[in-house]
Amino acid sequence: MKKMFAFTLTEVLITLSIIGVISALTVPTLVNNYQKKAEVVQIRKIMNDIQSAIDMYITEEGKSKFSATPYYKDNINNLIINKLKYVKSCAANTTGCFASEVYMPIDSGDSEEFKCPGVSYLLANSAAICMVKKATGIITVNVDVNGQEGPNIGGRDMFEFYINSLGEIRYCSNGTNSGGPCDTEKNGCTSSNIGKGCIKALVDNAWVMDY
């Protein structure tokens, strides 16, 4: 008669315990990496959509640069209203678009509540956006890629980038993509609760979020 072999209950329980421990250690990391990749994809898409909208509008107006168009001169928010798909506008306090709680920097430094100086908008893709034209002519763009949803961390779901007078998206507040000040902002990415300099960090790292 052929002898049959089987696992004992103790062996099965030990195996399940080991699998449980391994899962507890690896699953959070896998989920976190997936969320980071999704956030990078979203911010890239939003930036591409904005750039495409600007390019199309400049062409429609028959101009050679953004600063010669009515949207740039009169109300930059008309770019969002007329060229981007948005669900609703929010008051200057951003309630209903951006998170009402504070935004944290990656390095767990000082947190701060984000307030759009003008009107903010909630886009059809659930992203919140705020555009403000500075006295220098540079347009500051703040985007939370998932609106009021978490994690509400600068450089994770909250980013800041810029548009120059030509209608080109730039990564640094002086309207450039390189140089000393640009590198300074990039190096300060993890301490910014609004993700200032983080687009530069992503671009320089082939759009991989490893900071």
C-alpha atoms as a PDB file:
ATOM      1  CA  MET A   1       0.000   0.000   0.000  1.00  0.00           C
ATOM      2  CA  LYS A   2       1.404   3.406  -1.046  1.00  0.00           C
ATOM      3  CA  LYS A   3       2.052   5.745   1.867  1.00  0.00           C
ATOM      4  CA  MET A   4       0.442   9.232   1.565  1.00  0.00           C
ATOM      5  CA  PHE A   5       2.123  12.411   2.801  1.00  0.00           C
ATOM      6  CA  ALA A   6       0.393  15.650   3.867  1.00  0.00           C
ATOM      7  CA  PHE A   7       1.151  18.887   5.685  1.00  0.00           C
ATOM      8  CA  THR A   8       0.254  19.059   9.328  1.00  0.00           C
ATOM      9  CA  LEU A   9      -1.999  21.845  10.620  1.00  0.00           C
ATOM     10  CA  THR A  10       0.990  23.406  12.368  1.00  0.00           C
ATOM     11  CA  GLU A  11       2.972  23.549   9.126  1.00  0.00           C
ATOM     12  CA  VAL A  12       0.070  25.139   7.277  1.00  0.00           C
ATOM     13  CA  LEU A  13      -0.393  27.784   9.988  1.00  0.00           C
ATOM     14  CA  ILE A  14       3.338  28.594  10.004  1.00  0.00           C
ATOM     15  CA  THR A  15       3.323  28.973   6.202  1.00  0.00           C
ATOM     16  CA  LEU A  16       0.284  31.262   6.315  1.00  0.00           C
ATOM     17  CA  SER A  17       1.919  33.349   9.034  1.00  0.00           C
ATOM     18  CA  ILE A  18       5.058  33.803   6.934  1.00  0.00           C
ATOM     19  CA  ILE A  19       2.970  34.801   3.904  1.00  0.00           C
ATOM     20  CA  GLY A  20       1.070  37.282   6.081  1.00  0.00           C
ATOM     21  CA  VAL A  21       4.250  38.896   7.375  1.00  0.00           C
ATOM     22  CA  ILE A  22       5.724  39.193   3.870  1.00  0.00           C
ATOM     23  CA  SER A  23       2.474  40.711   2.580  1.00  0.00           C
ATOM     24  CA  ALA A  24       2.367  43.209   5.442  1.00  0.00           C
ATOM     25  CA  LEU A  25       5.879  44.328   4.560  1.00  0.00           C
ATOM     26  CA  THR A  26       5.550  44.518   0.779  1.00  0.00           C
ATOM     27  CA  VAL A  27       1.944  45.475  -0.002  1.00  0.00           C
ATOM     28  CA  PRO A  28       2.127  49.024   1.469  1.00  0.00           C
ATOM     29  CA  THR A  29       5.284  49.685  -0.565  1.00  0.00           C
ATOM     30  CA  LEU A  30       3.670  48.398  -3.748  1.00  0.00           C
ATOM     31  CA  VAL A  31       0.556  50.514  -3.147  1.00  0.00           C
ATOM     32  CA  ASN A  32       2.667  53.604  -2.413  1.00  0.00           C
ATOM     33  CA  ASN A  33       4.713  53.124  -5.587  1.00  0.00           C
ATOM     34  CA  TYR A  34       1.546  52.701  -7.634  1.00  0.00           C
ATOM     35  CA  GLN A  35       0.073  55.909  -6.182  1.00  0.00           C
ATOM     36  CA  LYS A  36       3.262  57.815  -6.981  1.00  0.00           C
ATOM     37  CA  LYS A  37       3.209  56.614 -10.591  1.00  0.00           C
ATOM     38  CA  ALA A  38      -0.472  57.550 -10.914  1.00  0.00           C
ATOM     39  CA  GLU A  39       0.200  61.047  -9.539  1.00  0.00           C
ATOM     40  CA  VAL A  40       3.085  61.573 -11.973  1.00  0.00           C
ATOM     41  CA  VAL A  41       0.919  60.462 -14.903  1.00  0.00           C
ATOM     42  CA  GLN A  42      -1.822  62.857 -13.808  1.00  0.00           C
ATOM     43  CA  ILE A  43       0.374  65.947 -13.437  1.00  0.00           C
ATOM     44  CA  ARG A  44       2.045  65.264 -16.798  1.00  0.00           C
ATOM     45  CA  LYS A  45      -1.350  64.969 -18.464  1.00  0.00           C
ATOM     46  CA  ILE A  46      -2.588  68.199 -16.885  1.00  0.00           C
ATOM     47  CA  MET A  47       0.528  70.069 -17.991  1.00  0.00           C
ATOM     48  CA  ASN A  48       0.200  68.690 -21.514  1.00  0.00           C
ATOM     49  CA  ASP A  49      -3.480  69.669 -21.624  1.00  0.00           C
ATOM     50  CA  ILE A  50      -2.650  73.217 -20.532  1.00  0.00           C
ATOM     51  CA  GLN A  51       0.169  73.533 -23.052  1.00  0.00           C
ATOM     52  CA  SER A  52      -2.066  72.219 -25.842  1.00  0.00           C
ATOM     53  CA  ALA A  53      -4.840  74.650 -24.851  1.00  0.00           C
ATOM     54  CA  ILE A  54      -2.426  77.594 -24.921  1.00  0.00           C
ATOM     55  CA  ASP A  55      -0.937  76.595 -28.279  1.00  0.00           C
ATOM     56  CA  MET A  56      -4.394  76.155 -29.815  1.00  0.00           C
ATOM     57  CA  TYR A  57      -5.598  79.485 -28.450  1.00  0.00           C
ATOM     58  CA  ILE A  58      -2.549  81.380 -29.738  1.00  0.00           C
ATOM     59  CA  THR A  59      -3.150  79.858 -33.169  1.00  0.00           C
ATOM     60  CA  GLU A  60      -6.862  80.747 -33.088  1.00  0.00           C
ATOM     61  CA  GLU A  61      -6.023  84.349 -32.240  1.00  0.00           C
ATOM     62  CA  GLY A  62      -3.419  84.529 -34.972  1.00  0.00           C
ATOM     63  CA  LYS A  63      -0.724  85.619 -32.527  1.00  0.00           C
ATOM     64  CA  SER A  64       2.874  84.544 -32.093  1.00  0.00           C
ATOM     65  CA  LYS A  65       2.947  84.584 -28.297  1.00  0.00           C
ATOM     66  CA  PHE A  66       0.590  84.216 -25.368  1.00  0.00           C
ATOM     67  CA  SER A  67       1.122  87.744 -24.039  1.00  0.00           C
ATOM     68  CA  ALA A  68      -0.517  89.171 -27.195  1.00  0.00           C
ATOM     69  CA  THR A  69      -3.828  87.394 -26.519  1.00  0.00           C
ATOM     70  CA  PRO A  70      -6.889  88.681 -24.615  1.00  0.00           C
ATOM     71  CA  TYR A  71      -6.767  85.820 -22.074  1.00  0.00           C
ATOM     72  CA  TYR A  72      -3.278  86.813 -20.999  1.00  0.00           C
ATOM     73  CA  LYS A  73      -4.014  90.530 -20.980  1.00  0.00           C
ATOM     74  CA  ASP A  74      -7.480  90.526 -19.404  1.00  0.00           C
ATOM     75  CA  ASN A  75      -8.161  87.399 -17.352  1.00  0.00           C
ATOM     76  CA  ILE A  76      -5.960  84.331 -17.332  1.00  0.00           C
ATOM     77  CA  ASN A  77      -8.802  82.286 -15.846  1.00  0.00           C
ATOM     78  CA  ASN A  78     -10.574  82.471 -19.223  1.00  0.00           C
ATOM     79  CA  LEU A  79      -8.071  79.868 -20.374  1.00  0.00           C
ATOM     80  CA  ILE A  80      -9.542  77.455 -17.809  1.00  0.00           C
ATOM     81  CA  ILE A  81     -13.137  78.515 -18.414  1.00  0.00           C
ATOM     82  CA  ASN A  82     -13.057  78.291 -22.196  1.00  0.00           C
ATOM     83  CA  LYS A  83     -10.260  75.855 -23.046  1.00  0.00           C
ATOM     84  CA  LEU A  84     -10.142  73.304 -20.221  1.00  0.00           C
ATOM     85  CA  LYS A  85     -12.909  71.013 -19.030  1.00  0.00           C
ATOM     86  CA  TYR A  86     -13.935  72.223 -15.599  1.00  0.00           C
ATOM     87  CA  VAL A  87     -16.767  71.194 -13.294  1.00  0.00           C
ATOM     88  CA  LYS A  88     -17.055  74.227 -11.043  1.00  0.00           C
ATOM     89  CA  SER A  89     -15.325  77.331  -9.792  1.00  0.00           C
ATOM     90  CA  CYS A  90     -14.552  77.998  -6.142  1.00  0.00           C
ATOM     91  CA  ALA A  91     -14.195  81.156  -4.116  1.00  0.00           C
ATOM     92  CA  ALA A  92     -10.808  82.610  -3.327  1.00  0.00           C
ATOM     93  CA  ASN A  93     -10.596  80.438  -0.215  1.00  0.00           C
ATOM     94  CA  THR A  94     -10.526  77.343  -2.512  1.00  0.00           C
ATOM     95  CA  THR A  95     -13.307  75.565  -0.568  1.00  0.00           C
ATOM     96  CA  GLY A  96     -14.721  72.808  -2.728  1.00  0.00           C
ATOM     97  CA  CYS A  97     -11.718  72.586  -5.049  1.00  0.00           C
ATOM     98  CA  PHE A  98      -8.470  72.267  -3.109  1.00  0.00           C
ATOM     99  CA  ALA A  99      -8.267  70.423   0.206  1.00  0.00           C
ATOM    100  CA  SER A 100      -9.601  72.395   3.135  1.00  0.00           C
ATOM    101  CA  GLU A 101      -6.946  70.869   5.389  1.00  0.00           C
ATOM    102  CA  VAL A 102      -3.294  71.857   5.460  1.00  0.00           C
ATOM    103  CA  TYR A 103      -0.783  70.653   2.893  1.00  0.00           C
ATOM    104  CA  MET A 104       2.297  68.892   4.237  1.00  0.00           C
ATOM    105  CA  PRO A 105       5.822  68.910   2.788  1.00  0.00           C
ATOM    106  CA  ILE A 106       7.449  65.540   2.129  1.00  0.00           C
ATOM    107  CA  ASP A 107      10.066  66.064   4.840  1.00  0.00           C
ATOM    108  CA  SER A 108       7.320  66.611   7.461  1.00  0.00           C
ATOM    109  CA  GLY A 109       8.296  70.236   7.991  1.00  0.00           C
ATOM    110  CA  ASP A 110       5.888  73.125   8.466  1.00  0.00           C
ATOM    111  CA  SER A 111       2.450  72.529   6.964  1.00  0.00           C
ATOM    112  CA  GLU A 112       0.267  75.285   5.568  1.00  0.00           C
ATOM    113  CA  GLU A 113      -3.242  75.755   4.249  1.00  0.00           C
ATOM    114  CA  PHE A 114      -3.308  76.609   0.537  1.00  0.00           C
ATOM    115  CA  LYS A 115      -5.246  79.695  -0.525  1.00  0.00           C
ATOM    116  CA  CYS A 116      -5.629  80.661  -4.178  1.00  0.00           C
ATOM    117  CA  PRO A 117      -5.208  84.463  -4.544  1.00  0.00           C
ATOM    118  CA  GLY A 118      -7.931  84.407  -7.202  1.00  0.00           C
ATOM    119  CA  VAL A 119     -10.620  81.947  -8.249  1.00  0.00           C
ATOM    120  CA  SER A 120      -9.781  78.254  -8.241  1.00  0.00           C
ATOM    121  CA  TYR A 121     -11.412  75.568 -10.370  1.00  0.00           C
ATOM    122  CA  LEU A 122     -12.185  71.870 -10.185  1.00  0.00           C
ATOM    123  CA  LEU A 123     -11.467  70.159 -13.497  1.00  0.00           C
ATOM    124  CA  ALA A 124     -13.418  67.258 -14.961  1.00  0.00           C
ATOM    125  CA  ASN A 125     -10.505  64.921 -14.140  1.00  0.00           C
ATOM    126  CA  SER A 126     -10.929  65.801 -10.411  1.00  0.00           C
ATOM    127  CA  ALA A 127      -7.831  68.013 -10.301  1.00  0.00           C
ATOM    128  CA  ALA A 128      -7.972  71.421  -8.620  1.00  0.00           C
ATOM    129  CA  ILE A 129      -6.205  74.323 -10.332  1.00  0.00           C
ATOM    130  CA  CYS A 130      -5.314  77.926  -9.508  1.00  0.00           C
ATOM    131  CA  MET A 131      -3.731  80.335 -12.025  1.00  0.00           C
ATOM    132  CA  VAL A 132      -2.365  83.745 -11.060  1.00  0.00           C
ATOM    133  CA  LYS A 133      -0.437  86.190 -13.271  1.00  0.00           C
ATOM    134  CA  LYS A 134       2.315  87.952 -11.342  1.00  0.00           C
ATOM    135  CA  ALA A 135       3.578  91.480 -11.907  1.00  0.00           C
ATOM    136  CA  THR A 136       6.587  89.978 -13.681  1.00  0.00           C
ATOM    137  CA  GLY A 137       4.263  88.518 -16.327  1.00  0.00           C
ATOM    138  CA  ILE A 138       4.958  84.953 -15.178  1.00  0.00           C
ATOM    139  CA  ILE A 139       1.819  82.906 -14.510  1.00  0.00           C
ATOM    140  CA  THR A 140       1.965  80.710 -11.410  1.00  0.00           C
ATOM    141  CA  VAL A 141      -0.055  77.501 -11.651  1.00  0.00           C
ATOM    142  CA  ASN A 142      -0.910  75.413  -8.599  1.00  0.00           C
ATOM    143  CA  VAL A 143      -2.457  71.991  -9.169  1.00  0.00           C
ATOM    144  CA  ASP A 144      -3.674  69.319  -6.780  1.00  0.00           C
ATOM    145  CA  VAL A 145      -3.979  66.326  -9.097  1.00  0.00           C
ATOM    146  CA  ASN A 146      -6.789  64.716  -7.073  1.00  0.00           C
ATOM    147  CA  GLY A 147      -8.527  67.758  -5.652  1.00  0.00           C
ATOM    148  CA  GLN A 148      -9.586  67.403  -2.037  1.00  0.00           C
ATOM    149  CA  GLU A 149      -8.460  63.790  -1.758  1.00  0.00           C
ATOM    150  CA  GLY A 150      -5.264  62.893   0.116  1.00  0.00           C
ATOM    151  CA  PRO A 151      -2.409  62.681   0.693  1.00  0.00           C
ATOM    152  CA  ASN A 152      -2.323  66.506   0.292  1.00  0.00           C
ATOM    153  CA  ILE A 153       1.464  66.606   0.239  1.00  0.00           C
ATOM    154  CA  GLY A 154       3.620  68.987  -1.783  1.00  0.00           C
ATOM    155  CA  GLY A 155       5.409  67.075  -4.521  1.00  0.00           C
ATOM    156  CA  ARG A 156       3.064  64.115  -4.250  1.00  0.00           C
ATOM    157  CA  ASP A 157      -0.361  65.374  -5.326  1.00  0.00           C
ATOM    158  CA  MET A 158       0.248  69.135  -5.028  1.00  0.00           C
ATOM    159  CA  PHE A 159       2.533  70.871  -7.550  1.00  0.00           C
ATOM    160  CA  GLU A 160       3.526  74.367  -8.645  1.00  0.00           C
ATOM    161  CA  PHE A 161       4.769  75.262 -12.122  1.00  0.00           C
ATOM    162  CA  TYR A 162       4.767  78.349 -14.343  1.00  0.00           C
ATOM    163  CA  ILE A 163       3.837  79.744 -17.761  1.00  0.00           C
ATOM    164  CA  ASN A 164       5.936  82.489 -19.353  1.00  0.00           C
ATOM    165  CA  SER A 165       4.723  85.296 -21.609  1.00  0.00           C
ATOM    166  CA  LEU A 166       5.390  83.200 -24.708  1.00  0.00           C
ATOM    167  CA  GLY A 167       2.950  80.593 -23.474  1.00  0.00           C
ATOM    168  CA  GLU A 168       5.579  78.023 -22.558  1.00  0.00           C
ATOM    169  CA  ILE A 169       5.326  75.896 -19.419  1.00  0.00           C
ATOM    170  CA  ARG A 170       8.337  76.347 -17.175  1.00  0.00           C
ATOM    171  CA  TYR A 171       9.467  74.563 -14.019  1.00  0.00           C
ATOM    172  CA  CYS A 172      10.933  77.457 -12.020  1.00  0.00           C
ATOM    173  CA  SER A 173       9.466  80.683 -10.680  1.00  0.00           C
ATOM    174  CA  ASN A 174      11.779  82.884 -12.782  1.00  0.00           C
ATOM    175  CA  GLY A 175      10.259  81.409 -15.942  1.00  0.00           C
ATOM    176  CA  THR A 176      13.181  79.159 -16.841  1.00  0.00           C
ATOM    177  CA  ASN A 177      13.945  75.441 -16.822  1.00  0.00           C
ATOM    178  CA  SER A 178      17.554  75.638 -15.680  1.00  0.00           C
ATOM    179  CA  GLY A 179      20.100  77.717 -13.833  1.00  0.00           C
ATOM    180  CA  GLY A 180      21.159  78.244 -10.241  1.00  0.00           C
ATOM    181  CA  PRO A 181      17.833  79.541  -8.883  1.00  0.00           C
ATOM    182  CA  CYS A 182      16.049  76.692 -10.642  1.00  0.00           C
ATOM    183  CA  ASP A 183      18.339  74.127  -9.002  1.00  0.00           C
ATOM    184  CA  THR A 184      17.758  75.783  -5.634  1.00  0.00           C
ATOM    185  CA  GLU A 185      14.005  75.373  -5.997  1.00  0.00           C
ATOM    186  CA  LYS A 186      14.490  71.760  -7.137  1.00  0.00           C
ATOM    187  CA  ASN A 187      16.604  71.006  -4.059  1.00  0.00           C
ATOM    188  CA  GLY A 188      13.903  72.533  -1.879  1.00  0.00           C
ATOM    189  CA  CYS A 189      11.156  70.337  -3.334  1.00  0.00           C
ATOM    190  CA  THR A 190      10.812  68.070  -0.303  1.00  0.00           C
ATOM    191  CA  SER A 191      10.442  71.017   2.072  1.00  0.00           C
ATOM    192  CA  SER A 192       7.721  72.757   0.023  1.00  0.00           C
ATOM    193  CA  ASN A 193       4.121  72.135   1.017  1.00  0.00           C
ATOM    194  CA  ILE A 194       2.950  73.210  -2.471  1.00  0.00           C
ATOM    195  CA  GLY A 195       5.476  71.179  -4.461  1.00  0.00           C
ATOM    196  CA  LYS A 196       7.581  74.113  -5.606  1.00  0.00           C
ATOM    197  CA  GLY A 197      10.580  72.809  -7.557  1.00  0.00           C
ATOM    198  CA  CYS A 198       9.197  69.273  -7.680  1.00  0.00           C
ATOM    199  CA  ILE A 199       8.329  69.387 -11.394  1.00  0.00           C
ATOM    200  CA  LYS A 200      11.982  70.222 -12.074  1.00  0.00           C
ATOM    201  CA  ALA A 201      13.011  67.286  -9.869  1.00  0.00           C
ATOM    202  CA  LEU A 202      10.674  64.948 -11.773  1.00  0.00           C
ATOM    203  CA  VAL A 203      11.831  66.121 -15.206  1.00  0.00           C
ATOM    204  CA  ASP A 204      15.503  65.744 -14.279  1.00  0.00           C
ATOM    205  CA  ASN A 205      14.782  62.198 -13.071  1.00  0.00           C
ATOM    206  CA  ALA A 206      12.877  61.079 -16.182  1.00  0.00           C
ATOM    207  CA  TRP A 207       9.533  61.595 -14.426  1.00  0.00           C
ATOM    208  CA  VAL A 208      10.281  59.085 -11.676  1.00  0.00           C
ATOM    209  CA  MET A 209       9.142  60.196  -8.219  1.00  0.00           C
ATOM    210  CA  ASP A 210      11.925  58.955  -5.948  1.00  0.00           C
ATOM    211  CA  TYR A 211      12.462  62.040  -3.806  1.00  0.00           C
END
